[in-house]
Amino acid sequence: MCRITWRWASQLAGVDKANPQLLLLDEPFGALDAFTREQMQTLLLKLWHETGKQVLLITHDIEEAIFMATELVLLSPGPGRVVERLRLDFSRRFVAGESCRSIKSDPRFIEQREYILSRVFDQREASHERGTERQTASVDAEVALAALPPAHPQRGDPGGIAGRLVGGRGAAAD
C-alpha cells in the first residue's frame, strides 16, 4: 500500500472508535492519481460493507459516482436542484466479489456513464442559455452525490440518507 493509501486508511480506521452514523465525504479522492484513486474507492466500498455505515460521497467524477453509489443524485449547476436520481448496483456487485475492472468495462456501466454525461451536458447547455451558468474552473459544475445506505440496514431505515437529504422522503421516492 502506498503512503497516501496507508495514511487515508489509517484515518478511516478511526471510524469504528468514533462510531458515526454517517460518513460525509466531499471529493476525498480528487487530488489522487488514477491508480491510487481506484485503490481508495475499493477500500471505501470494503469499509462501507464491513462497518455498515451510511456514506454520502460528493464528487464531480462521474465514473466514481457510478461505481460507488447505490443511489446517484445528479444536481444542476447553481443553484443546485435535483435533476435526476438513479439507483445503481455496481457497488454491491463489487462487495459481492466482482472485480473493479469487470464492473467498469461492463456495457451497462458504460451505458450509464454515457447517459449521465449526456444529462450533464444538457444541463450545462440549458444553464448557459438561461444565463445562470456558474463561473468556475471546474470542468463540470454539476455535482453527483453518491449515496451508500447502511450496508446492513437497521429497522425503520427508509433506504439511505440521500432520500432524506434531498427530498425529505425515503430513497425510493422519485
Protein backbone atom coordinates (compact mmCIF):
# COMPACT_ATOMS: atom_id res chain seq x y z
CA MET A 1 0.00 0.00 0.00
CA CYS A 2 1.44 3.40 -0.92
CA ARG A 3 1.99 6.07 1.72
CA ILE A 4 -1.12 8.08 0.76
CA THR A 5 -3.29 4.97 0.74
CA TRP A 6 -1.93 3.90 4.11
CA ARG A 7 -2.47 7.34 5.67
CA TRP A 8 -6.07 7.56 4.39
CA ALA A 9 -6.81 4.01 5.52
CA SER A 10 -5.38 4.81 8.95
CA GLN A 11 -7.60 7.88 9.25
CA LEU A 12 -10.68 5.88 8.30
CA ALA A 13 -9.75 3.21 10.83
CA GLY A 14 -10.80 5.72 13.49
CA VAL A 15 -14.37 5.46 12.18
CA ASP A 16 -15.00 2.46 14.41
CA LYS A 17 -13.81 4.33 17.52
CA ALA A 18 -15.88 7.47 16.87
CA ASN A 19 -18.78 5.33 15.61
CA PRO A 20 -20.55 7.97 13.46
CA GLN A 21 -23.84 7.00 11.82
CA LEU A 22 -22.88 8.79 8.61
CA LEU A 23 -19.61 9.35 6.76
CA LEU A 24 -19.84 12.59 4.79
CA LEU A 25 -17.06 12.76 2.20
CA ASP A 26 -16.59 15.78 -0.06
CA GLU A 27 -14.40 14.83 -3.03
CA PRO A 28 -11.98 12.79 -0.89
CA PHE A 29 -10.08 11.33 -3.86
CA GLY A 30 -9.96 14.39 -6.12
CA ALA A 31 -6.21 15.03 -5.84
CA LEU A 32 -5.14 11.41 -6.34
CA ASP A 33 -3.72 9.76 -9.44
CA ALA A 34 -5.95 7.22 -11.21
CA PHE A 35 -4.31 4.13 -9.68
CA THR A 36 -4.43 5.43 -6.09
CA ARG A 37 -7.95 6.80 -6.61
CA GLU A 38 -9.22 3.35 -7.61
CA GLN A 39 -7.48 1.78 -4.60
CA MET A 40 -9.20 4.29 -2.32
CA GLN A 41 -12.58 3.72 -3.96
CA THR A 42 -12.35 -0.02 -3.42
CA LEU A 43 -11.06 0.47 0.13
CA LEU A 44 -14.02 2.73 0.95
CA LEU A 45 -16.50 0.23 -0.52
CA LYS A 46 -14.97 -2.54 1.60
CA LEU A 47 -15.16 -0.31 4.68
CA TRP A 48 -18.80 0.50 3.88
CA HIS A 49 -19.60 -3.18 3.54
CA GLU A 50 -17.70 -4.26 6.67
CA THR A 51 -18.91 -1.50 9.01
CA GLY A 52 -22.43 -0.99 7.67
CA LYS A 53 -22.02 2.81 7.89
CA GLN A 54 -24.02 5.18 5.70
CA VAL A 55 -21.83 7.15 3.29
CA LEU A 56 -22.62 10.33 1.41
CA LEU A 57 -19.92 10.95 -1.19
CA ILE A 58 -19.85 14.22 -3.10
CA THR A 59 -17.92 14.04 -6.35
CA HIS A 60 -17.60 15.62 -9.79
CA ASP A 61 -16.15 12.36 -11.13
CA ILE A 62 -18.99 10.62 -12.96
CA GLU A 63 -17.30 7.21 -13.14
CA GLU A 64 -16.52 7.38 -9.43
CA ALA A 65 -20.14 8.22 -8.64
CA ILE A 66 -21.47 5.38 -10.82
CA PHE A 67 -19.05 2.82 -9.38
CA MET A 68 -19.58 3.76 -5.74
CA ALA A 69 -23.24 4.73 -5.46
CA THR A 70 -26.32 2.73 -4.71
CA GLU A 71 -28.21 5.93 -5.46
CA LEU A 72 -26.79 8.74 -7.58
CA VAL A 73 -28.32 12.20 -7.30
CA LEU A 74 -27.49 14.46 -10.23
CA LEU A 75 -27.70 18.16 -9.42
CA SER A 76 -28.00 21.13 -11.76
CA PRO A 77 -25.42 23.92 -11.84
CA GLY A 78 -26.04 26.60 -9.20
CA PRO A 79 -28.44 26.93 -7.73
CA GLY A 80 -28.27 23.18 -7.23
CA ARG A 81 -31.54 21.41 -7.95
CA VAL A 82 -32.16 17.71 -8.26
CA VAL A 83 -32.13 16.81 -11.95
CA GLU A 84 -32.38 13.07 -11.57
CA ARG A 85 -31.96 10.24 -9.10
CA LEU A 86 -30.68 6.89 -10.28
CA ARG A 87 -30.46 3.60 -8.45
CA LEU A 88 -27.28 1.68 -9.21
CA ASP A 89 -25.94 -1.74 -8.24
CA PHE A 90 -22.27 -1.58 -9.25
CA SER A 91 -21.01 -1.01 -5.67
CA ARG A 92 -23.00 -4.00 -4.44
CA ARG A 93 -21.56 -6.14 -7.24
CA PHE A 94 -18.06 -5.14 -6.13
CA VAL A 95 -18.58 -6.02 -2.46
CA ALA A 96 -20.16 -9.31 -3.60
CA GLY A 97 -16.83 -10.23 -5.20
CA GLU A 98 -16.88 -8.96 -8.78
CA SER A 99 -13.66 -7.22 -9.85
CA CYS A 100 -13.47 -3.47 -10.32
CA ARG A 101 -12.15 -3.92 -13.89
CA SER A 102 -15.00 -6.25 -14.80
CA ILE A 103 -17.58 -3.79 -13.47
CA LYS A 104 -16.09 -0.71 -15.14
CA SER A 105 -15.87 -2.49 -18.51
CA ASP A 106 -19.44 -3.84 -18.30
CA PRO A 107 -21.60 -2.47 -21.16
CA ARG A 108 -24.25 -1.43 -18.58
CA PHE A 109 -21.65 0.65 -16.71
CA ILE A 110 -20.53 2.32 -19.94
CA GLU A 111 -24.15 2.93 -20.99
CA GLN A 112 -24.90 4.51 -17.60
CA ARG A 113 -21.79 6.73 -17.87
CA GLU A 114 -22.79 7.93 -21.34
CA TYR A 115 -26.35 8.60 -20.21
CA ILE A 116 -25.23 10.67 -17.23
CA LEU A 117 -22.70 12.57 -19.35
CA SER A 118 -25.47 13.46 -21.80
CA ARG A 119 -27.63 14.69 -18.89
CA VAL A 120 -24.75 16.80 -17.56
CA PHE A 121 -24.11 18.34 -20.98
CA ASP A 122 -27.84 19.01 -21.45
CA GLN A 123 -27.97 20.76 -18.06
CA ARG A 124 -24.90 22.87 -18.85
CA GLU A 125 -26.37 23.92 -22.18
CA ALA A 126 -29.73 24.81 -20.63
CA SER A 127 -27.98 26.71 -17.85
CA HIS A 128 -25.88 28.64 -20.37
CA GLU A 129 -29.00 29.56 -22.39
CA ARG A 130 -30.68 30.86 -19.21
CA GLY A 131 -27.52 32.77 -18.29
CA THR A 132 -27.25 31.01 -14.94
CA GLU A 133 -24.06 29.05 -15.52
CA ARG A 134 -21.59 29.45 -12.69
CA GLN A 135 -18.15 30.79 -13.45
CA THR A 136 -15.86 28.02 -12.28
CA ALA A 137 -12.52 26.45 -13.05
CA SER A 138 -14.11 23.03 -12.76
CA VAL A 139 -14.65 21.08 -15.96
CA ASP A 140 -18.25 20.43 -14.97
CA ALA A 141 -20.17 22.36 -12.36
CA GLU A 142 -22.71 19.62 -11.78
CA VAL A 143 -22.25 17.62 -8.64
CA ALA A 144 -23.03 13.95 -8.31
CA LEU A 145 -23.94 12.78 -4.83
CA ALA A 146 -23.14 9.13 -4.49
CA ALA A 147 -25.09 7.71 -1.58
CA LEU A 148 -24.40 4.40 0.07
CA PRO A 149 -27.14 3.45 2.54
CA PRO A 150 -26.20 1.29 5.50
CA ALA A 151 -24.71 -1.92 4.16
CA HIS A 152 -26.73 -3.71 6.81
CA PRO A 153 -29.95 -1.63 7.14
CA GLN A 154 -31.48 -1.08 10.55
CA ARG A 155 -35.21 -1.48 11.03
CA GLY A 156 -37.06 1.71 10.20
CA ASP A 157 -34.36 2.99 7.82
CA PRO A 158 -36.16 4.28 4.71
CA GLY A 159 -33.34 3.24 2.41
CA GLY A 160 -30.47 5.66 2.86
CA ILE A 161 -29.51 9.19 3.68
CA ALA A 162 -29.79 10.63 0.15
CA GLY A 163 -33.57 10.45 0.11
CA ARG A 164 -33.85 12.24 3.43
CA LEU A 165 -31.32 14.93 2.49
CA VAL A 166 -32.66 15.60 -0.98
CA GLY A 167 -36.40 15.49 -0.69
CA GLY A 168 -37.23 14.64 2.89
CA ARG A 169 -38.65 11.34 1.65
CA GLY A 170 -37.28 7.83 1.54
CA ALA A 171 -34.73 6.96 -1.13
CA ALA A 172 -37.36 5.04 -3.09
CA ALA A 173 -39.37 8.21 -3.72
CA ASP A 174 -38.88 9.96 -7.03
